Amino acid sequence: MSTSNNGDALSLIELFPQDEDWSLQTMRLLSQVAVGGADLFECARTAGRIGTETTDPEVWEREWTRTATDVAAEGNAALERGEHTTARRAFHRSMSYWRHSEFFLDSFDPRRTVAYMEGTKNFKKAAELSGGLIEPIAVPFEGKEMEGYIVRPDNSGEARPTVLFLGGADSWAEELYSLGGTEFPARGMNVVMVDTPGRGSSLRFKEMYSRPDYEVPVAAILDFLEKRSDVDADRFGLAGVSFGGYYAPRAAAFEPRIKAVAAWCGTWSILTDFYEFYPPLQKQLQWLTGSKDDAEARAKLAEFTLDGIADKLKIPVYVMHGTADIIMDIKGADRFVEALTSDDVTVDIYDGAGSLHCSYDYMSVAGARLGDWFLHRI
């Protein structure tokens, strides 16, 4: 077991000193600048319009929607001129701003649907301009379909090792491309991002709610991928970010096709380490579990635990967590690591730079380490 400690100063950028959550979520957006998921100055100008005094979510939604709309218009204008690279980049950024705009709205606010439809539409436009490297897919599952993408390093058709990348409580499949997903194709691996139960289009339009037995939807995705000639079915990896730090280990414990698993945020109990630890996301967790109230959500989330699961993992396991994570309790990560019995366990606990939730402030390093770790194990 190895442990990494980074003593650099904590690097929270307080664009919104009046609201810690606003600043943290904007760090999430800024972390994607390096791979084109956002532009630093577009973000700074939007933050300037919002200001440092208001905490009104209506102002937040209005100004990020304005930026998302303006950037999409730039993309469409570039597309009409035949400037495909410029258009593709603009559509990627617009998607990110649309996702950001809806974050603090109530779960059933109709503007969330508008933001989701506009954002995913723009990502699909970017995919169409990717030269075939980003391909939309639809995975049959229990009479419905889970929508997502496979991203390849090239168009050679070569059977590649493939990492299934699972998002958390509020990420879109599309966002995962810029939230670490590009690291896998850059290293010769495919990455697959799918709206699994409780996420994205599966939650919003198909009433596919989250479930503790995540090996079931994961198995359906692997069944689908095995039939592709550009996927090496003997070299599957599984990674989960945020709430995905539960989904991925749980699925890997019961799915023998997974050769290595990473929890980008470790956890033990979603109820105590997430739902109770970070109340601002309780409404979101009620929504994604299909719960009508707090009591029902608590009853359902009590089943989302790695107790009796962690010690079943005999494959390589990678756990990343930050000491200043205010969203998922690091004590859950510690308990998960203590229960592991695998002979190959890597633990990166970031103290300082990288210590925020999902290491938003250290994305270029943390994402690269994740990609490199899989490169050596699948």
Protein backbone atom coordinates (compact mmCIF):
# COMPACT_ATOMS: atom_id res chain seq x y z
CA MET A 1 0.00 0.00 0.00
CA SER A 2 1.30 3.43 -0.86
CA THR A 3 0.17 6.78 0.47
CA SER A 4 0.76 10.17 -1.11
CA ASN A 5 0.73 13.37 0.93
CA ASN A 6 0.94 16.80 -0.62
CA GLY A 7 1.76 19.59 1.79
CA ASP A 8 1.22 22.52 -0.57
CA ALA A 9 -1.06 25.29 0.60
CA LEU A 10 -4.78 24.78 0.13
CA SER A 11 -5.77 26.41 -3.13
CA LEU A 12 -9.47 27.19 -2.88
CA ILE A 13 -10.22 30.01 -5.28
CA GLU A 14 -12.95 32.08 -3.65
CA LEU A 15 -14.58 33.68 -6.66
CA PHE A 16 -17.64 33.88 -4.45
CA PRO A 17 -16.44 34.60 -0.90
CA GLN A 18 -20.05 35.06 0.18
CA ASP A 19 -20.87 31.38 -0.44
CA GLU A 20 -18.47 28.47 0.02
CA ASP A 21 -20.60 26.12 -2.07
CA TRP A 22 -20.66 28.56 -4.98
CA SER A 23 -16.86 28.81 -4.84
CA LEU A 24 -16.37 25.05 -4.57
CA GLN A 25 -18.66 24.25 -7.48
CA THR A 26 -16.94 26.88 -9.61
CA MET A 27 -13.61 25.24 -8.76
CA ARG A 28 -15.13 22.12 -10.29
CA LEU A 29 -15.73 24.09 -13.46
CA LEU A 30 -12.30 25.73 -13.42
CA SER A 31 -10.64 22.32 -13.05
CA GLN A 32 -11.77 21.56 -16.59
CA VAL A 33 -10.04 24.56 -18.18
CA ALA A 34 -6.87 22.57 -18.93
CA VAL A 35 -8.75 20.18 -21.25
CA GLY A 36 -11.11 22.70 -22.84
CA GLY A 37 -14.15 22.08 -20.66
CA ALA A 38 -14.22 25.74 -19.69
CA ASP A 39 -12.37 28.99 -20.30
CA LEU A 40 -10.84 30.84 -17.36
CA PHE A 41 -11.81 34.28 -18.56
CA GLU A 42 -15.36 33.33 -19.56
CA CYS A 43 -15.74 32.06 -16.00
CA ALA A 44 -14.15 35.18 -14.52
CA ARG A 45 -16.41 37.49 -16.52
CA THR A 46 -19.48 35.54 -15.45
CA ALA A 47 -18.38 35.65 -11.84
CA GLY A 48 -17.87 39.39 -12.18
CA ARG A 49 -21.45 39.87 -13.33
CA ILE A 50 -22.74 37.81 -10.41
CA GLY A 51 -20.64 39.76 -7.90
CA THR A 52 -19.46 38.99 -4.40
CA GLU A 53 -22.51 39.98 -2.37
CA THR A 54 -25.59 38.15 -3.67
CA THR A 55 -26.44 34.59 -2.69
CA ASP A 56 -29.55 34.51 -4.87
CA PRO A 57 -29.60 31.30 -6.97
CA GLU A 58 -31.73 33.14 -9.53
CA VAL A 59 -28.79 35.44 -10.29
CA TRP A 60 -26.50 32.43 -10.51
CA GLU A 61 -28.79 30.64 -12.99
CA ARG A 62 -29.34 33.75 -15.09
CA GLU A 63 -25.69 34.66 -15.55
CA TRP A 64 -24.34 31.16 -16.23
CA THR A 65 -27.22 30.59 -18.66
CA ARG A 66 -26.23 33.79 -20.43
CA THR A 67 -22.64 32.58 -20.78
CA ALA A 68 -23.75 29.12 -21.93
CA THR A 69 -26.04 30.67 -24.55
CA ASP A 70 -23.45 33.14 -25.79
CA VAL A 71 -20.74 30.48 -26.15
CA ALA A 72 -23.11 28.12 -27.97
CA ALA A 73 -23.97 30.98 -30.37
CA GLU A 74 -20.25 31.41 -31.04
CA GLY A 75 -20.04 27.68 -31.76
CA ASN A 76 -22.95 27.76 -34.18
CA ALA A 77 -21.52 30.79 -35.99
CA ALA A 78 -18.16 29.03 -36.33
CA LEU A 79 -19.90 25.92 -37.63
CA GLU A 80 -21.68 27.94 -40.32
CA ARG A 81 -18.30 29.30 -41.40
CA GLY A 82 -16.89 25.78 -41.61
CA GLU A 83 -14.55 26.37 -38.66
CA HIS A 84 -15.09 22.98 -37.07
CA THR A 85 -12.33 23.06 -34.47
CA THR A 86 -13.51 26.38 -33.07
CA ALA A 87 -17.11 25.18 -33.08
CA ARG A 88 -16.25 21.91 -31.32
CA ARG A 89 -14.40 23.70 -28.56
CA ALA A 90 -17.21 26.20 -28.04
CA PHE A 91 -19.82 23.45 -27.82
CA HIS A 92 -17.78 21.65 -25.17
CA ARG A 93 -17.57 24.79 -23.05
CA SER A 94 -21.23 25.62 -23.51
CA MET A 95 -22.19 22.20 -22.20
CA SER A 96 -20.16 22.84 -19.05
CA TYR A 97 -21.77 26.22 -18.45
CA TRP A 98 -25.27 24.81 -18.93
CA ARG A 99 -24.51 22.10 -16.35
CA HIS A 100 -23.15 24.71 -13.99
CA SER A 101 -26.17 26.97 -14.41
CA GLU A 102 -28.66 24.42 -13.06
CA PHE A 103 -26.70 23.25 -10.05
CA PHE A 104 -28.45 25.26 -7.33
CA LEU A 105 -31.98 24.98 -8.69
CA ASP A 106 -34.57 22.78 -6.99
CA SER A 107 -34.62 19.21 -8.30
CA PHE A 108 -37.87 19.60 -10.22
CA ASP A 109 -37.38 23.15 -11.46
CA PRO A 110 -38.21 23.01 -15.20
CA ARG A 111 -35.13 25.08 -15.97
CA ARG A 112 -33.03 22.08 -15.02
CA THR A 113 -34.55 20.19 -17.93
CA VAL A 114 -33.88 23.10 -20.27
CA ALA A 115 -30.27 23.33 -19.14
CA TYR A 116 -29.80 19.59 -19.49
CA MET A 117 -31.31 19.44 -22.97
CA GLU A 118 -29.31 22.43 -24.22
CA GLY A 119 -26.08 21.25 -22.63
CA THR A 120 -26.25 17.68 -23.88
CA LYS A 121 -27.29 18.92 -27.34
CA ASN A 122 -24.13 20.96 -27.52
CA PHE A 123 -21.95 18.08 -26.35
CA LYS A 124 -23.45 15.90 -29.08
CA LYS A 125 -22.61 18.61 -31.60
CA ALA A 126 -19.03 18.53 -30.32
CA ALA A 127 -19.02 14.75 -30.61
CA GLU A 128 -20.11 14.99 -34.25
CA LEU A 129 -17.09 17.20 -34.87
CA SER A 130 -14.63 14.89 -33.09
CA GLY A 131 -13.71 12.93 -36.19
CA GLY A 132 -15.43 9.83 -34.86
CA LEU A 133 -13.46 9.70 -31.60
CA ILE A 134 -16.52 10.41 -29.42
CA GLU A 135 -19.36 8.04 -30.28
CA PRO A 136 -22.82 8.11 -28.67
CA ILE A 137 -24.00 4.70 -27.44
CA ALA A 138 -27.24 3.33 -25.99
CA VAL A 139 -27.04 0.32 -23.66
CA PRO A 140 -30.17 -1.86 -23.34
CA PHE A 141 -31.16 -2.27 -19.70
CA GLU A 142 -34.34 -3.63 -18.14
CA GLY A 143 -36.53 -2.62 -21.07
CA LYS A 144 -35.01 0.84 -21.40
CA GLU A 145 -31.71 2.29 -22.56
CA MET A 146 -28.82 3.90 -20.72
CA GLU A 147 -27.35 6.59 -22.94
CA GLY A 148 -23.70 7.55 -23.04
CA TYR A 149 -20.50 7.63 -25.06
CA ILE A 150 -17.39 5.69 -25.87
CA VAL A 151 -14.29 7.80 -26.47
CA ARG A 152 -11.41 6.22 -28.39
CA PRO A 153 -7.77 7.34 -28.75
CA ASP A 154 -7.93 6.94 -32.54
CA ASN A 155 -9.96 5.42 -35.37
CA SER A 156 -7.70 2.43 -35.98
CA GLY A 157 -10.36 -0.01 -34.77
CA GLU A 158 -7.78 -1.69 -32.54
CA ALA A 159 -9.22 -3.55 -29.55
CA ARG A 160 -8.25 -1.36 -26.62
CA PRO A 161 -8.28 -1.70 -22.82
CA THR A 162 -11.39 0.15 -21.70
CA VAL A 163 -12.28 2.03 -18.52
CA LEU A 164 -15.92 2.52 -17.55
CA PHE A 165 -16.05 5.88 -15.76
CA LEU A 166 -18.99 6.36 -13.39
CA GLY A 167 -20.12 9.77 -12.19
CA GLY A 168 -21.63 10.76 -8.88
CA ALA A 169 -24.79 12.33 -7.53
CA ASP A 170 -25.03 15.24 -9.94
CA SER A 171 -22.54 14.74 -12.79
CA TRP A 172 -23.67 14.27 -16.37
CA ALA A 173 -22.05 11.60 -18.54
CA GLU A 174 -20.98 14.48 -20.77
CA GLU A 175 -19.18 16.28 -17.94
CA LEU A 176 -17.01 13.25 -17.20
CA TYR A 177 -15.25 13.79 -20.51
CA SER A 178 -13.60 16.93 -19.08
CA LEU A 179 -13.53 15.74 -15.47
CA GLY A 180 -10.73 13.24 -15.96
CA GLY A 181 -12.15 11.30 -18.91
CA THR A 182 -9.69 12.65 -21.47
CA GLU A 183 -6.81 11.07 -19.54
CA PHE A 184 -7.67 7.55 -20.70
CA PRO A 185 -7.67 8.09 -24.49
CA ALA A 186 -4.49 10.13 -24.07
CA ARG A 187 -2.89 6.90 -22.81
CA GLY A 188 -4.23 4.57 -25.47
CA MET A 189 -7.33 3.39 -23.60
CA ASN A 190 -11.02 3.76 -24.39
CA VAL A 191 -13.20 5.48 -21.83
CA VAL A 192 -16.93 4.84 -21.53
CA MET A 193 -19.29 7.31 -19.84
CA VAL A 194 -22.92 6.25 -19.39
CA ASP A 195 -25.98 7.67 -17.64
CA THR A 196 -26.39 4.80 -15.23
CA PRO A 197 -29.36 4.64 -12.80
CA GLY A 198 -29.74 7.80 -10.73
CA ARG A 199 -27.85 9.96 -13.20
CA GLY A 200 -28.38 12.12 -16.28
CA SER A 201 -31.06 11.14 -18.77
CA SER A 202 -31.78 7.87 -16.95
CA LEU A 203 -32.90 9.81 -13.88
CA ARG A 204 -34.50 12.79 -15.58
CA PHE A 205 -36.56 11.11 -18.27
CA LYS A 206 -36.71 7.37 -17.58
CA GLU A 207 -37.27 7.09 -13.80
CA MET A 208 -34.22 4.86 -13.49
CA TYR A 209 -33.31 5.58 -9.90
CA SER A 210 -30.09 4.76 -8.14
CA ARG A 211 -29.73 1.32 -6.57
CA PRO A 212 -27.26 -0.32 -4.19
CA ASP A 213 -26.61 -3.34 -6.46
CA TYR A 214 -24.68 -1.34 -9.04
CA GLU A 215 -23.09 -4.46 -10.44
CA VAL A 216 -26.35 -5.02 -12.32
CA PRO A 217 -26.22 -1.95 -14.61
CA VAL A 218 -22.43 -2.28 -14.85
CA ALA A 219 -22.81 -5.86 -16.09
CA ALA A 220 -25.24 -4.67 -18.77
CA ILE A 221 -22.69 -2.13 -19.98
CA LEU A 222 -19.91 -4.72 -20.09
CA ASP A 223 -22.20 -7.10 -22.00
CA PHE A 224 -22.74 -4.33 -24.54
CA LEU A 225 -19.06 -3.46 -24.80
CA GLU A 226 -17.94 -7.07 -25.22
CA LYS A 227 -19.62 -7.13 -28.61
CA ARG A 228 -17.52 -4.26 -29.96
CA SER A 229 -14.42 -5.03 -32.01
CA ASP A 230 -12.63 -1.93 -30.69
CA VAL A 231 -12.87 -3.13 -27.06
CA ASP A 232 -10.54 -5.69 -25.47
CA ALA A 233 -13.02 -7.58 -23.29
CA ASP A 234 -10.18 -9.06 -21.22
CA ARG A 235 -9.00 -5.62 -20.09
CA PHE A 236 -11.83 -3.76 -18.36
CA GLY A 237 -11.24 -1.15 -15.67
CA LEU A 238 -13.84 0.63 -13.54
CA ALA A 239 -13.54 4.10 -11.99
CA GLY A 240 -16.04 6.11 -9.99
CA VAL A 241 -15.91 9.76 -8.94
CA SER A 242 -17.69 11.21 -5.88
CA PHE A 243 -20.78 9.00 -5.23
CA GLY A 244 -19.15 6.78 -7.85
CA GLY A 245 -16.67 5.96 -5.08
CA TYR A 246 -19.42 3.65 -3.86
CA TYR A 247 -20.74 2.53 -7.24
CA ALA A 248 -17.40 1.35 -8.63
CA PRO A 249 -16.11 -0.78 -5.72
CA ARG A 250 -19.56 -2.27 -5.17
CA ALA A 251 -19.84 -3.33 -8.83
CA ALA A 252 -16.24 -4.57 -9.03
CA ALA A 253 -16.74 -6.82 -6.01
CA PHE A 254 -19.34 -8.84 -7.93
CA GLU A 255 -18.22 -8.41 -11.55
CA PRO A 256 -15.28 -10.72 -12.44
CA ARG A 257 -14.64 -8.97 -15.76
CA ILE A 258 -13.30 -5.90 -13.93
CA LYS A 259 -9.51 -6.11 -13.65
CA ALA A 260 -8.90 -2.95 -11.59
CA VAL A 261 -11.08 -0.41 -9.77
CA ALA A 262 -10.62 3.18 -8.60
CA ALA A 263 -12.63 5.17 -6.07
CA TRP A 264 -12.05 8.87 -6.67
CA CYS A 265 -13.41 9.70 -3.21
CA GLY A 266 -13.53 6.73 -0.93
CA THR A 267 -16.59 5.96 1.15
CA TRP A 268 -18.03 3.36 3.45
CA SER A 269 -21.64 4.40 3.97
CA ILE A 270 -23.41 6.82 1.64
CA LEU A 271 -25.94 7.56 4.38
CA THR A 272 -23.43 8.72 6.98
CA ASP A 273 -20.46 9.77 4.84
CA PHE A 274 -22.44 11.73 2.27
CA TYR A 275 -26.13 12.29 3.03
CA GLU A 276 -25.69 13.22 6.67
CA PHE A 277 -22.21 14.73 6.23
CA TYR A 278 -23.24 17.24 3.55
CA PRO A 279 -26.90 18.33 3.97
CA PRO A 280 -26.92 20.68 0.92
CA LEU A 281 -27.09 17.63 -1.35
CA GLN A 282 -29.84 15.82 0.54
CA LYS A 283 -32.56 16.94 -1.89
CA GLN A 284 -30.46 15.70 -4.81
CA LEU A 285 -29.95 12.32 -3.13
CA GLN A 286 -33.68 12.08 -2.42
CA TRP A 287 -34.34 12.72 -6.10
CA LEU A 288 -31.83 10.23 -7.45
CA THR A 289 -33.14 7.47 -5.17
CA GLY A 290 -36.76 8.21 -6.07
CA SER A 291 -37.57 9.05 -2.44
CA LYS A 292 -40.56 11.17 -1.49
CA ASP A 293 -38.98 12.52 1.71
CA ASP A 294 -36.03 12.41 4.08
CA ALA A 295 -37.17 9.28 5.90
CA GLU A 296 -37.53 7.26 2.71
CA ALA A 297 -34.15 8.44 1.45
CA ARG A 298 -32.48 7.43 4.70
CA ALA A 299 -34.03 3.97 4.55
CA LYS A 300 -32.88 3.45 0.97
CA LEU A 301 -29.40 4.92 1.40
CA ALA A 302 -28.73 2.71 4.42
CA GLU A 303 -28.28 -0.10 1.87
CA PHE A 304 -25.52 1.82 0.06
CA THR A 305 -22.64 0.54 2.16
CA LEU A 306 -19.38 -1.30 1.48
CA ASP A 307 -19.65 -3.21 4.74
CA GLY A 308 -19.17 -6.85 3.75
CA ILE A 309 -18.21 -5.75 0.24
CA ALA A 310 -14.76 -4.15 0.52
CA ASP A 311 -13.02 -7.35 1.61
CA LYS A 312 -14.31 -9.15 -1.50
CA LEU A 313 -12.13 -6.98 -3.75
CA LYS A 314 -9.08 -9.04 -4.76
CA ILE A 315 -8.14 -6.93 -7.78
CA PRO A 316 -5.97 -3.76 -7.74
CA VAL A 317 -7.73 -0.90 -5.93
CA TYR A 318 -6.95 2.81 -6.09
CA VAL A 319 -8.43 5.26 -3.57
CA MET A 320 -8.10 9.06 -3.78
CA HIS A 321 -9.47 11.50 -1.23
CA GLY A 322 -8.76 14.98 0.14
CA THR A 323 -8.42 15.99 3.77
CA ALA A 324 -10.48 19.15 3.21
CA ASP A 325 -13.36 17.39 1.43
CA ILE A 326 -16.52 18.99 2.84
CA ILE A 327 -18.86 16.85 0.73
CA MET A 328 -17.76 13.27 1.46
CA ASP A 329 -16.36 12.39 4.88
CA ILE A 330 -12.75 11.22 4.70
CA LYS A 331 -13.47 8.90 7.62
CA GLY A 332 -15.45 6.75 5.20
CA ALA A 333 -12.44 6.53 2.90
CA ASP A 334 -10.24 5.51 5.82
CA ARG A 335 -12.67 2.80 6.85
CA PHE A 336 -12.88 1.50 3.27
CA VAL A 337 -9.10 1.31 2.97
CA GLU A 338 -8.79 -0.47 6.31
CA ALA A 339 -11.23 -3.16 5.15
CA LEU A 340 -9.46 -3.90 1.85
CA THR A 341 -7.68 -7.24 1.54
CA SER A 342 -6.29 -6.84 -1.98
CA ASP A 343 -2.54 -7.28 -2.46
CA ASP A 344 -2.43 -4.17 -4.66
CA VAL A 345 -3.88 -1.09 -2.97
CA THR A 346 -2.80 2.47 -3.79
CA VAL A 347 -4.01 5.33 -1.61
CA ASP A 348 -3.56 9.02 -2.39
CA ILE A 349 -4.69 11.22 0.48
CA TYR A 350 -4.16 14.83 -0.53
CA ASP A 351 -3.42 17.30 2.24
CA GLY A 352 -3.09 20.79 0.78
CA ALA A 353 -3.31 20.98 -3.01
CA GLY A 354 -5.81 18.34 -4.07
CA SER A 355 -7.59 18.20 -0.72
CA LEU A 356 -10.90 19.55 -2.04
CA HIS A 357 -13.73 17.24 -3.11
CA CYS A 358 -12.60 15.21 -6.14
CA SER A 359 -9.34 17.18 -6.07
CA TYR A 360 -10.88 19.95 -8.16
CA ASP A 361 -7.90 22.13 -7.27
CA TYR A 362 -5.41 19.48 -8.44
CA MET A 363 -7.21 18.02 -11.44
CA SER A 364 -4.28 18.02 -13.85
CA VAL A 365 -2.23 15.94 -11.40
CA ALA A 366 -4.95 13.75 -9.88
CA GLY A 367 -6.53 12.93 -13.25
CA ALA A 368 -3.12 12.06 -14.70
CA ARG A 369 -2.36 9.76 -11.78
CA LEU A 370 -5.66 8.02 -12.29
CA GLY A 371 -4.92 7.46 -15.97
CA ASP A 372 -1.39 6.25 -15.28
CA TRP A 373 -2.58 3.87 -12.58
CA PHE A 374 -4.96 2.13 -14.99
CA LEU A 375 -2.33 2.13 -17.72
CA HIS A 376 -0.22 -0.20 -15.58
CA ARG A 377 -3.06 -2.46 -14.43
CA ILE A 378 -5.40 -3.29 -17.30
